Structure formats: C-alpha cells, structure tokens
PDB file of N, CA and C in Angstrom:
ATOM      1  N   MET A   1      30.071-104.836  72.250  1.00  0.00           N
ATOM      2  CA  MET A   1      31.077-104.692  71.487  1.00  0.00           C
ATOM      3  C   MET A   1      32.676-104.520  71.193  1.00  0.00           C
ATOM      4  N   ARG A   2      33.679-104.768  70.378  1.00  0.00           N
ATOM      5  CA  ARG A   2      34.454-105.107  70.584  1.00  0.00           C
ATOM      6  C   ARG A   2      35.328-103.610  70.632  1.00  0.00           C
ATOM      7  N   SER A   3      36.785-104.016  71.192  1.00  0.00           N
ATOM      8  CA  SER A   3      37.209-102.135  71.279  1.00  0.00           C
ATOM      9  C   SER A   3      37.868-101.848  69.808  1.00  0.00           C
ATOM     10  N   ASP A   4      37.792-102.953  68.707  1.00  0.00           N
ATOM     11  CA  ASP A   4      38.118-102.363  67.303  1.00  0.00           C
ATOM     12  C   ASP A   4      37.075-102.447  66.310  1.00  0.00           C
ATOM     13  N   GLU A   5      35.930-102.149  67.191  1.00  0.00           N
ATOM     14  CA  GLU A   5      34.787-101.865  66.356  1.00  0.00           C
ATOM     15  C   GLU A   5      34.332-100.730  66.321  1.00  0.00           C
ATOM     16  N   PHE A   6      33.282 -99.711  65.309  1.00  0.00           N
ATOM     17  CA  PHE A   6      33.030 -98.726  65.390  1.00  0.00           C
ATOM     18  C   PHE A   6      31.481 -98.531  65.802  1.00  0.00           C
ATOM     19  N   VAL A   7      30.721 -97.396  66.077  1.00  0.00           N
ATOM     20  CA  VAL A   7      29.010 -97.307  65.880  1.00  0.00           C
ATOM     21  C   VAL A   7      29.334 -96.728  64.701  1.00  0.00           C
ATOM     22  N   ALA A   8      28.085 -96.567  63.480  1.00  0.00           N
ATOM     23  CA  ALA A   8      27.774 -96.106  62.759  1.00  0.00           C
ATOM     24  C   ALA A   8      26.421 -95.963  63.105  1.00  0.00           C
ATOM     25  N   LEU A   9      26.376 -94.377  62.534  1.00  0.00           N
ATOM     26  CA  LEU A   9      24.872 -93.402  62.279  1.00  0.00           C
ATOM     27  C   LEU A   9      24.124 -92.719  61.034  1.00  0.00           C
ATOM     28  N   LEU A  10      22.968 -92.936  60.757  1.00  0.00           N
ATOM     29  CA  LEU A  10      22.806 -91.980  59.806  1.00  0.00           C
ATOM     30  C   LEU A  10      21.805 -91.130  60.760  1.00  0.00           C
ATOM     31  N   THR A  11      21.754 -89.847  60.145  1.00  0.00           N
ATOM     32  CA  THR A  11      20.740 -88.730  60.873  1.00  0.00           C
ATOM     33  C   THR A  11      20.554 -88.095  60.078  1.00  0.00           C
ATOM     34  N   LEU A  12      19.066 -87.830  60.022  1.00  0.00           N
ATOM     35  CA  LEU A  12      18.312 -87.266  59.100  1.00  0.00           C
ATOM     36  C   LEU A  12      18.237 -85.455  59.303  1.00  0.00           C
ATOM     37  N   ASP A  13      18.655 -85.100  58.174  1.00  0.00           N
ATOM     38  CA  ASP A  13      18.466 -83.626  58.448  1.00  0.00           C
ATOM     39  C   ASP A  13      17.641 -82.910  57.093  1.00  0.00           C
ATOM     40  N   ASP A  14      16.046 -83.138  58.666  1.00  0.00           N
ATOM     41  CA  ASP A  14      14.802 -82.818  58.429  1.00  0.00           C
ATOM     42  C   ASP A  14      14.770 -81.641  59.312  1.00  0.00           C
ATOM     43  N   GLY A  15      15.446 -81.503  60.314  1.00  0.00           N
ATOM     44  CA  GLY A  15      15.158 -80.332  61.875  1.00  0.00           C
ATOM     45  C   GLY A  15      14.954 -81.667  62.666  1.00  0.00           C
ATOM     46  N   THR A  16      14.557 -82.451  62.454  1.00  0.00           N
ATOM     47  CA  THR A  16      14.153 -83.161  64.140  1.00  0.00           C
ATOM     48  C   THR A  16      15.656 -83.943  64.498  1.00  0.00           C
ATOM     49  N   SER A  17      16.731 -83.720  63.549  1.00  0.00           N
ATOM     50  CA  SER A  17      17.816 -84.848  63.871  1.00  0.00           C
ATOM     51  C   SER A  17      17.271 -86.004  64.159  1.00  0.00           C
ATOM     52  N   ARG A  18      16.992 -86.611  63.611  1.00  0.00           N
ATOM     53  CA  ARG A  18      16.387 -88.405  64.531  1.00  0.00           C
ATOM     54  C   ARG A  18      17.738 -88.772  63.375  1.00  0.00           C
ATOM     55  N   SER A  19      18.433 -89.658  64.728  1.00  0.00           N
ATOM     56  CA  SER A  19      19.306 -90.634  64.272  1.00  0.00           C
ATOM     57  C   SER A  19      18.838 -92.234  64.474  1.00  0.00           C
ATOM     58  N   TYR A  20      19.916 -92.594  63.353  1.00  0.00           N
ATOM     59  CA  TYR A  20      19.282 -94.465  63.227  1.00  0.00           C
ATOM     60  C   TYR A  20      20.904 -95.018  63.181  1.00  0.00           C
ATOM     61  N   ARG A  21      20.698 -95.783  64.389  1.00  0.00           N
ATOM     62  CA  ARG A  21      22.338 -96.816  64.265  1.00  0.00           C
ATOM     63  C   ARG A  21      22.394 -98.014  62.957  1.00  0.00           C
ATOM     64  N   VAL A  22      23.474 -97.599  62.041  1.00  0.00           N
ATOM     65  CA  VAL A  22      23.685 -98.779  61.293  1.00  0.00           C
ATOM     66  C   VAL A  22      24.043-100.185  62.326  1.00  0.00           C
ATOM     67  N   VAL A  23      23.442-100.788  62.165  1.00  0.00           N
ATOM     68  CA  VAL A  23      23.421-102.290  62.426  1.00  0.00           C
ATOM     69  C   VAL A  23      24.545-103.096  61.899  1.00  0.00           C
ATOM     70  N   GLU A  24      25.078-104.074  62.351  1.00  0.00           N
ATOM     71  CA  GLU A  24      26.265-104.916  61.310  1.00  0.00           C
ATOM     72  C   GLU A  24      25.694-105.787  60.182  1.00  0.00           C
ATOM     73  N   GLY A  25      25.867-105.688  59.390  1.00  0.00           N
ATOM     74  CA  GLY A  25      25.073-106.680  58.527  1.00  0.00           C
ATOM     75  C   GLY A  25      24.755-105.164  57.224  1.00  0.00           C
ATOM     76  N   SER A  26      23.485-106.065  56.847  1.00  0.00           N
ATOM     77  CA  SER A  26      22.389-104.778  55.730  1.00  0.00           C
ATOM     78  C   SER A  26      21.680-103.988  56.370  1.00  0.00           C
ATOM     79  N   ASN A  27      21.732-103.074  56.172  1.00  0.00           N
ATOM     80  CA  ASN A  27      20.452-101.953  56.218  1.00  0.00           C
ATOM     81  C   ASN A  27      19.942-101.578  55.247  1.00  0.00           C
ATOM     82  N   VAL A  28      18.461-101.852  54.916  1.00  0.00           N
ATOM     83  CA  VAL A  28      17.664-101.081  54.123  1.00  0.00           C
ATOM     84  C   VAL A  28      17.070 -99.848  54.458  1.00  0.00           C
ATOM     85  N   ILE A  29      17.238 -99.156  53.397  1.00  0.00           N
ATOM     86  CA  ILE A  29      16.876 -97.464  53.380  1.00  0.00           C
ATOM     87  C   ILE A  29      16.014 -97.100  52.640  1.00  0.00           C
ATOM     88  N   GLY A  30      14.725 -96.640  52.866  1.00  0.00           N
ATOM     89  CA  GLY A  30      13.497 -96.381  51.803  1.00  0.00           C
ATOM     90  C   GLY A  30      12.354 -96.188  52.674  1.00  0.00           C
ATOM     91  N   ARG A  31      11.508 -96.367  51.255  1.00  0.00           N
ATOM     92  CA  ARG A  31       9.905 -95.864  52.594  1.00  0.00           C
ATOM     93  C   ARG A  31       9.071 -97.188  52.526  1.00  0.00           C
ATOM     94  N   GLY A  32       9.921 -98.269  52.402  1.00  0.00           N
ATOM     95  CA  GLY A  32       8.684 -99.635  52.647  1.00  0.00           C
ATOM     96  C   GLY A  32       8.990 -99.917  54.008  1.00  0.00           C
ATOM     97  N   LYS A  33       7.632-100.296  54.582  1.00  0.00           N
ATOM     98  CA  LYS A  33       7.469-100.395  55.962  1.00  0.00           C
ATOM     99  C   LYS A  33       8.716-102.170  56.074  1.00  0.00           C
ATOM    100  N   ASP A  34       9.179-102.352  55.414  1.00  0.00           N
ATOM    101  CA  ASP A  34      10.138-103.257  55.597  1.00  0.00           C
ATOM    102  C   ASP A  34      11.185-102.929  55.977  1.00  0.00           C
ATOM    103  N   ALA A  35      11.832-101.274  56.015  1.00  0.00           N
ATOM    104  CA  ALA A  35      12.854-100.560  55.480  1.00  0.00           C
ATOM    105  C   ALA A  35      13.679-100.925  57.256  1.00  0.00           C
ATOM    106  N   HIS A  36      15.053-101.039  57.420  1.00  0.00           N
ATOM    107  CA  HIS A  36      15.557-100.497  58.519  1.00  0.00           C
ATOM    108  C   HIS A  36      15.036 -99.113  59.562  1.00  0.00           C
ATOM    109  N   VAL A  37      15.619 -98.215  58.195  1.00  0.00           N
ATOM    110  CA  VAL A  37      15.352 -96.978  58.282  1.00  0.00           C
ATOM    111  C   VAL A  37      14.104 -96.203  57.284  1.00  0.00           C
ATOM    112  N   VAL A  38      13.287 -96.200  57.469  1.00  0.00           N
ATOM    113  CA  VAL A  38      12.163 -95.957  56.922  1.00  0.00           C
ATOM    114  C   VAL A  38      11.510 -94.122  56.973  1.00  0.00           C
ATOM    115  N   LEU A  39      11.754 -93.784  55.617  1.00  0.00           N
ATOM    116  CA  LEU A  39      11.901 -92.151  55.630  1.00  0.00           C
ATOM    117  C   LEU A  39      10.297 -92.183  54.692  1.00  0.00           C
ATOM    118  N   THR A  40       9.645 -91.182  55.010  1.00  0.00           N
ATOM    119  CA  THR A  40       8.004 -91.046  54.484  1.00  0.00           C
ATOM    120  C   THR A  40       8.414 -89.786  53.594  1.00  0.00           C
ATOM    121  N   ASP A  41       9.863 -89.768  52.438  1.00  0.00           N
ATOM    122  CA  ASP A  41       9.173 -88.715  51.485  1.00  0.00           C
ATOM    123  C   ASP A  41       8.390 -90.035  50.249  1.00  0.00           C
ATOM    124  N   VAL A  42       8.159 -88.864  49.728  1.00  0.00           N
ATOM    125  CA  VAL A  42       7.047 -89.663  48.565  1.00  0.00           C
ATOM    126  C   VAL A  42       7.960 -90.400  47.710  1.00  0.00           C
ATOM    127  N   SER A  43       9.166 -89.726  47.233  1.00  0.00           N
ATOM    128  CA  SER A  43      10.032 -89.260  46.082  1.00  0.00           C
ATOM    129  C   SER A  43      11.168 -90.095  46.696  1.00  0.00           C
ATOM    130  N   VAL A  44      11.222 -91.257  47.592  1.00  0.00           N
ATOM    131  CA  VAL A  44      12.166 -91.992  48.117  1.00  0.00           C
ATOM    132  C   VAL A  44      11.646 -93.883  47.438  1.00  0.00           C
ATOM    133  N   SER A  45      12.196 -94.553  47.349  1.00  0.00           N
ATOM    134  CA  SER A  45      11.556 -95.696  46.552  1.00  0.00           C
ATOM    135  C   SER A  45      11.437 -96.891  48.119  1.00  0.00           C
ATOM    136  N   ARG A  46      10.994 -97.412  47.843  1.00  0.00           N
ATOM    137  CA  ARG A  46      10.639 -98.582  48.924  1.00  0.00           C
ATOM    138  C   ARG A  46      11.494 -99.143  49.610  1.00  0.00           C
ATOM    139  N   ARG A  47      12.937 -99.398  48.916  1.00  0.00           N
ATOM    140  CA  ARG A  47      13.801-100.282  49.202  1.00  0.00           C
ATOM    141  C   ARG A  47      15.015 -99.365  48.450  1.00  0.00           C
ATOM    142  N   HIS A  48      15.171 -97.967  48.683  1.00  0.00           N
ATOM    143  CA  HIS A  48      15.820 -97.016  47.581  1.00  0.00           C
ATOM    144  C   HIS A  48      17.479 -97.722  47.730  1.00  0.00           C
ATOM    145  N   PHE A  49      17.819 -97.571  49.017  1.00  0.00           N
ATOM    146  CA  PHE A  49      19.554 -97.927  49.211  1.00  0.00           C
ATOM    147  C   PHE A  49      19.837 -98.956  50.383  1.00  0.00           C
ATOM    148  N   VAL A  50      20.969 -99.779  50.172  1.00  0.00           N
ATOM    149  CA  VAL A  50      21.463-100.473  51.247  1.00  0.00           C
ATOM    150  C   VAL A  50      22.768-100.163  51.699  1.00  0.00           C
ATOM    151  N   ILE A  51      23.320-100.195  53.043  1.00  0.00           N
ATOM    152  CA  ILE A  51      24.688 -99.634  53.738  1.00  0.00           C
ATOM    153  C   ILE A  51      25.160-101.238  54.280  1.00  0.00           C
ATOM    154  N   GLU A  52      25.956-101.833  53.494  1.00  0.00           N
ATOM    155  CA  GLU A  52      26.897-103.016  54.438  1.00  0.00           C
ATOM    156  C   GLU A  52      27.613-102.167  55.431  1.00  0.00           C
ATOM    157  N   TRP A  53      27.577-102.626  56.562  1.00  0.00           N
ATOM    158  CA  TRP A  53      28.509-102.292  57.336  1.00  0.00           C
ATOM    159  C   TRP A  53      29.139-103.617  58.521  1.00  0.00           C
ATOM    160  N   ASP A  54      30.292-103.228  58.431  1.00  0.00           N
ATOM    161  CA  ASP A  54      31.189-104.827  59.029  1.00  0.00           C
ATOM    162  C   ASP A  54      31.361-104.491  60.212  1.00  0.00           C
ATOM    163  N   GLY A  55      31.434-102.938  61.087  1.00  0.00           N
ATOM    164  CA  GLY A  55      31.848-103.122  61.870  1.00  0.00           C
ATOM    165  C   GLY A  55      33.152-101.823  62.108  1.00  0.00           C
ATOM    166  N   ARG A  56      33.197-101.645  60.854  1.00  0.00           N
ATOM    167  CA  ARG A  56      34.775-100.638  60.484  1.00  0.00           C
ATOM    168  C   ARG A  56      34.412-100.067  59.184  1.00  0.00           C
ATOM    169  N   HIS A  57      34.257-100.727  58.110  1.00  0.00           N
ATOM    170  CA  HIS A  57      33.785-100.248  56.789  1.00  0.00           C
ATOM    171  C   HIS A  57      32.268-100.206  56.676  1.00  0.00           C
ATOM    172  N   ALA A  58      31.328 -99.069  55.469  1.00  0.00           N
ATOM    173  CA  ALA A  58      30.468 -99.266  55.237  1.00  0.00           C
ATOM    174  C   ALA A  58      30.178 -99.344  54.202  1.00  0.00           C
ATOM    175  N   THR A  59      29.677 -99.731  53.140  1.00  0.00           N
ATOM    176  CA  THR A  59      29.909 -99.606  51.623  1.00  0.00           C
ATOM    177  C   THR A  59      28.456 -99.853  51.484  1.00  0.00           C
ATOM    178  N   LEU A  60      28.204 -98.248  50.391  1.00  0.00           N
ATOM    179  CA  LEU A  60      25.973 -97.835  50.456  1.00  0.00           C
ATOM    180  C   LEU A  60      25.777 -98.759  48.702  1.00  0.00           C
ATOM    181  N   SER A  61      24.831 -98.970  48.455  1.00  0.00           N
ATOM    182  CA  SER A  61      24.953 -99.446  47.726  1.00  0.00           C
ATOM    183  C   SER A  61      22.963 -99.226  46.971  1.00  0.00           C
ATOM    184  N   ASP A  62      22.877 -98.262  45.654  1.00  0.00           N
ATOM    185  CA  ASP A  62      21.814 -98.080  45.342  1.00  0.00           C
ATOM    186  C   ASP A  62      20.931 -99.233  44.859  1.00  0.00           C
ATOM    187  N   ARG A  63      19.732 -99.170  45.083  1.00  0.00           N
ATOM    188  CA  ARG A  63      18.791-100.604  44.858  1.00  0.00           C
ATOM    189  C   ARG A  63      17.931-100.393  43.650  1.00  0.00           C
ATOM    190  N   TRP A  64      18.486-100.013  42.112  1.00  0.00           N
ATOM    191  CA  TRP A  64      17.734 -99.334  41.122  1.00  0.00           C
ATOM    192  C   TRP A  64      16.327 -98.420  41.772  1.00  0.00           C
ATOM    193  N   SER A  65      16.922 -97.612  42.277  1.00  0.00           N
ATOM    194  CA  SER A  65      15.504 -96.496  42.520  1.00  0.00           C
ATOM    195  C   SER A  65      16.028 -95.860  41.312  1.00  0.00           C
ATOM    196  N   THR A  66      14.554 -95.236  41.239  1.00  0.00           N
ATOM    197  CA  THR A  66      14.539 -94.536  40.210  1.00  0.00           C
ATOM    198  C   THR A  66      14.886 -93.049  39.730  1.00  0.00           C
ATOM    199  N   SER A  67      15.028 -92.287  41.492  1.00  0.00           N
ATOM    200  CA  SER A  67      15.463 -91.277  41.299  1.00  0.00           C
ATOM    201  C   SER A  67      16.956 -90.997  41.656  1.00  0.00           C
ATOM    202  N   GLY A  68      17.627 -92.389  41.866  1.00  0.00           N
ATOM    203  CA  GLY A  68      19.283 -92.136  41.794  1.00  0.00           C
ATOM    204  C   GLY A  68      19.294 -92.032  43.355  1.00  0.00           C
ATOM    205  N   THR A  69      20.942 -92.417  43.778  1.00  0.00           N
ATOM    206  CA  THR A  69      21.298 -92.046  45.325  1.00  0.00           C
ATOM    207  C   THR A  69      22.549 -91.282  44.921  1.00  0.00           C
ATOM    208  N   PHE A  70      22.650 -89.996  46.034  1.00  0.00           N
ATOM    209  CA  PHE A  70      23.972 -89.018  45.608  1.00  0.00           C
ATOM    210  C   PHE A  70      24.648 -89.206  46.850  1.00  0.00           C
ATOM    211  N   VAL A  71      25.987 -89.274  47.113  1.00  0.00           N
ATOM    212  CA  VAL A  71      26.726 -89.200  47.713  1.00  0.00           C
ATOM    213  C   VAL A  71      27.337 -87.893  48.137  1.00  0.00           C
ATOM    214  N   ASN A  72      27.510 -86.815  48.779  1.00  0.00           N
ATOM    215  CA  ASN A  72      28.225 -85.717  48.548  1.00  0.00           C
ATOM    216  C   ASN A  72      27.892 -85.004  47.244  1.00  0.00           C
ATOM    217  N   GLY A  73      27.188 -85.279  46.719  1.00  0.00           N
ATOM    218  CA  GLY A  73      26.577 -85.076  45.808  1.00  0.00           C
ATOM    219  C   GLY A  73      26.532 -84.949  44.075  1.00  0.00           C
ATOM    220  N   ILE A  74      27.448 -86.217  44.146  1.00  0.00           N
ATOM    221  CA  ILE A  74      27.362 -87.270  42.908  1.00  0.00           C
ATOM    222  C   ILE A  74      26.728 -88.004  43.045  1.00  0.00           C
ATOM    223  N   PRO A  75      25.911 -88.517  41.876  1.00  0.00           N
ATOM    224  CA  PRO A  75      25.176 -90.338  41.870  1.00  0.00           C
ATOM    225  C   PRO A  75      26.496 -91.161  41.665  1.00  0.00           C
ATOM    226  N   VAL A  76      26.246 -92.029  42.758  1.00  0.00           N
ATOM    227  CA  VAL A  76      26.356 -93.192  43.080  1.00  0.00           C
ATOM    228  C   VAL A  76      25.446 -94.697  42.362  1.00  0.00           C
ATOM    229  N   GLN A  77      26.316 -95.503  42.201  1.00  0.00           N
ATOM    230  CA  GLN A  77      25.728 -96.817  42.578  1.00  0.00           C
ATOM    231  C   GLN A  77      26.312 -97.790  43.834  1.00  0.00           C
ATOM    232  N   THR A  78      27.094 -97.794  43.468  1.00  0.00           N
ATOM    233  CA  THR A  78      28.036 -98.388  44.909  1.00  0.00           C
ATOM    234  C   THR A  78      29.104 -97.330  45.109  1.00  0.00           C
ATOM    235  N   GLU A  79      28.815 -97.284  46.266  1.00  0.00           N
ATOM    236  CA  GLU A  79      30.121 -96.307  47.154  1.00  0.00           C
ATOM    237  C   GLU A  79      30.363 -96.930  48.565  1.00  0.00           C
ATOM    238  N   GLN A  80      31.857 -96.256  48.768  1.00  0.00           N
ATOM    239  CA  GLN A  80      32.910 -96.763  50.242  1.00  0.00           C
ATOM    240  C   GLN A  80      32.019 -95.268  51.365  1.00  0.00           C
ATOM    241  N   LEU A  81      31.338 -95.689  52.372  1.00  0.00           N
ATOM    242  CA  LEU A  81      31.230 -94.279  52.781  1.00  0.00           C
ATOM    243  C   LEU A  81      31.944 -94.342  54.090  1.00  0.00           C
ATOM    244  N   ALA A  82      32.167 -92.586  54.122  1.00  0.00           N
ATOM    245  CA  ALA A  82      33.130 -92.501  55.441  1.00  0.00           C
ATOM    246  C   ALA A  82      32.771 -91.246  56.051  1.00  0.00           C
ATOM    247  N   ASP A  83      34.006 -91.276  57.233  1.00  0.00           N
ATOM    248  CA  ASP A  83      32.754 -90.222  58.454  1.00  0.00           C
ATOM    249  C   ASP A  83      32.062 -88.870  57.681  1.00  0.00           C
ATOM    250  N   GLY A  84      31.167 -88.090  57.828  1.00  0.00           N
ATOM    251  CA  GLY A  84      30.972 -87.302  57.595  1.00  0.00           C
ATOM    252  C   GLY A  84      30.211 -86.888  56.179  1.00  0.00           C
ATOM    253  N   ASP A  85      30.496 -88.298  55.136  1.00  0.00           N
ATOM    254  CA  ASP A  85      29.410 -87.954  53.952  1.00  0.00           C
ATOM    255  C   ASP A  85      28.469 -88.040  53.630  1.00  0.00           C
ATOM    256  N   THR A  86      27.440 -87.089  53.386  1.00  0.00           N
ATOM    257  CA  THR A  86      26.156 -87.061  52.729  1.00  0.00           C
ATOM    258  C   THR A  86      25.540 -87.773  51.977  1.00  0.00           C
ATOM    259  N   ILE A  87      24.300 -88.253  51.982  1.00  0.00           N
ATOM    260  CA  ILE A  87      23.440 -88.978  51.841  1.00  0.00           C
ATOM    261  C   ILE A  87      22.321 -88.571  51.281  1.00  0.00           C
ATOM    262  N   ARG A  88      21.892 -87.791  50.100  1.00  0.00           N
ATOM    263  CA  ARG A  88      21.172 -87.483  49.671  1.00  0.00           C
ATOM    264  C   ARG A  88      19.987 -88.438  48.015  1.00  0.00           C
ATOM    265  N   VAL A  89      18.782 -88.830  48.946  1.00  0.00           N
ATOM    266  CA  VAL A  89      17.856 -89.944  48.288  1.00  0.00           C
ATOM    267  C   VAL A  89      16.441 -88.759  48.013  1.00  0.00           C
ATOM    268  N   GLY A  90      15.860 -88.846  46.793  1.00  0.00           N
ATOM    269  CA  GLY A  90      14.631 -87.901  46.997  1.00  0.00           C
ATOM    270  C   GLY A  90      14.635 -86.323  47.292  1.00  0.00           C
ATOM    271  N   ARG A  91      14.421 -86.192  48.113  1.00  0.00           N
ATOM    272  CA  ARG A  91      14.362 -84.966  48.684  1.00  0.00           C
ATOM    273  C   ARG A  91      14.725 -84.780  50.315  1.00  0.00           C
ATOM    274  N   SER A  92      14.706 -85.802  50.545  1.00  0.00           N
ATOM    275  CA  SER A  92      15.680 -86.217  51.797  1.00  0.00           C
ATOM    276  C   SER A  92      17.126 -86.220  51.863  1.00  0.00           C
ATOM    277  N   GLU A  93      18.227 -86.077  53.127  1.00  0.00           N
ATOM    278  CA  GLU A  93      19.177 -86.096  53.151  1.00  0.00           C
ATOM    279  C   GLU A  93      19.654 -86.619  54.721  1.00  0.00           C
ATOM    280  N   LEU A  94      20.408 -87.434  54.308  1.00  0.00           N
ATOM    281  CA  LEU A  94      21.382 -87.999  55.542  1.00  0.00           C
ATOM    282  C   LEU A  94      22.770 -88.028  56.165  1.00  0.00           C
ATOM    283  N   LEU A  95      23.314 -87.884  57.113  1.00  0.00           N
ATOM    284  CA  LEU A  95      24.474 -87.394  57.371  1.00  0.00           C
ATOM    285  C   LEU A  95      25.273 -88.826  57.716  1.00  0.00           C
ATOM    286  N   PHE A  96      26.193 -89.446  57.530  1.00  0.00           N
ATOM    287  CA  PHE A  96      26.730 -90.978  58.212  1.00  0.00           C
ATOM    288  C   PHE A  96      27.570 -90.191  58.552  1.00  0.00           C
ATOM    289  N   ARG A  97      28.032 -90.531  59.686  1.00  0.00           N
ATOM    290  CA  ARG A  97      29.141 -90.471  60.887  1.00  0.00           C
ATOM    291  C   ARG A  97      28.993 -92.007  61.624  1.00  0.00           C
ATOM    292  N   VAL A  98      30.671 -91.779  61.843  1.00  0.00           N
ATOM    293  CA  VAL A  98      31.028 -93.153  62.840  1.00  0.00           C
ATOM    294  C   VAL A  98      31.935 -92.506  63.432  1.00  0.00           C
ATOM    295  N   GLN A  99      31.395 -93.271  65.103  1.00  0.00           N
ATOM    296  CA  GLN A  99      32.020 -92.981  66.646  1.00  0.00           C
ATOM    297  C   GLN A  99      32.822 -94.335  66.418  1.00  0.00           C
ATOM    298  N   ALA A 100      34.075 -93.781  67.015  1.00  0.00           N
ATOM    299  CA  ALA A 100      34.416 -94.783  68.157  1.00  0.00           C
ATOM    300  C   ALA A 100      34.068 -95.431  69.306  1.00  0.00           C
TER     301      ALA A 100
END
C-alpha cells in the first residue's frame, strides 16, 4: 500500500460488528453469492449496490434495487461516500469508515 492510500471498511451494524475491507476497484454488496459483501437480509437485492474505491475516494451506486439505497437516511442513486457515512439497504445498516 502506498503512503498516500487509505483503507476503507464496511462494518455491519447487526450486533456482530463484522467488518469487510473495501478493495480497490468494484465492490458488489448484496444477497447474491457472487457479491464481495454478502448480506443475508432477504429484503436486499442480489447485487444491491456497488462501491467503486480508488484508494482515496469511494462512490456508491445503487444497482436498480427494488427497495433502494440510503446514505445517512437519504435515498441515493449515486453518492460520493465520506468517512462515517451510514448505508441502509433493506433492514441492513453498514458503516463506511476510512483509515489512514
């Protein structure tokens, strides 16, 4: 990792505090087995949203989900993420964190 890059994490707020590292490039989050982060929530689409991460910036894009994607309580289609943002899909909530 270069000194000018950061580590991005998604932490599932379900009591387990499971964390997933966001890798550089495309990160699919959803219920499908091919997702990078698999959520067991039946109200989440198989490929619910994608986070594009370049080592410094993250952009979330909803993938035409039925129930929508919310960042800090606001419905979004595409959103630049910031450290501490909360993402809600279905009944699942994830915290986006960036660490130096």
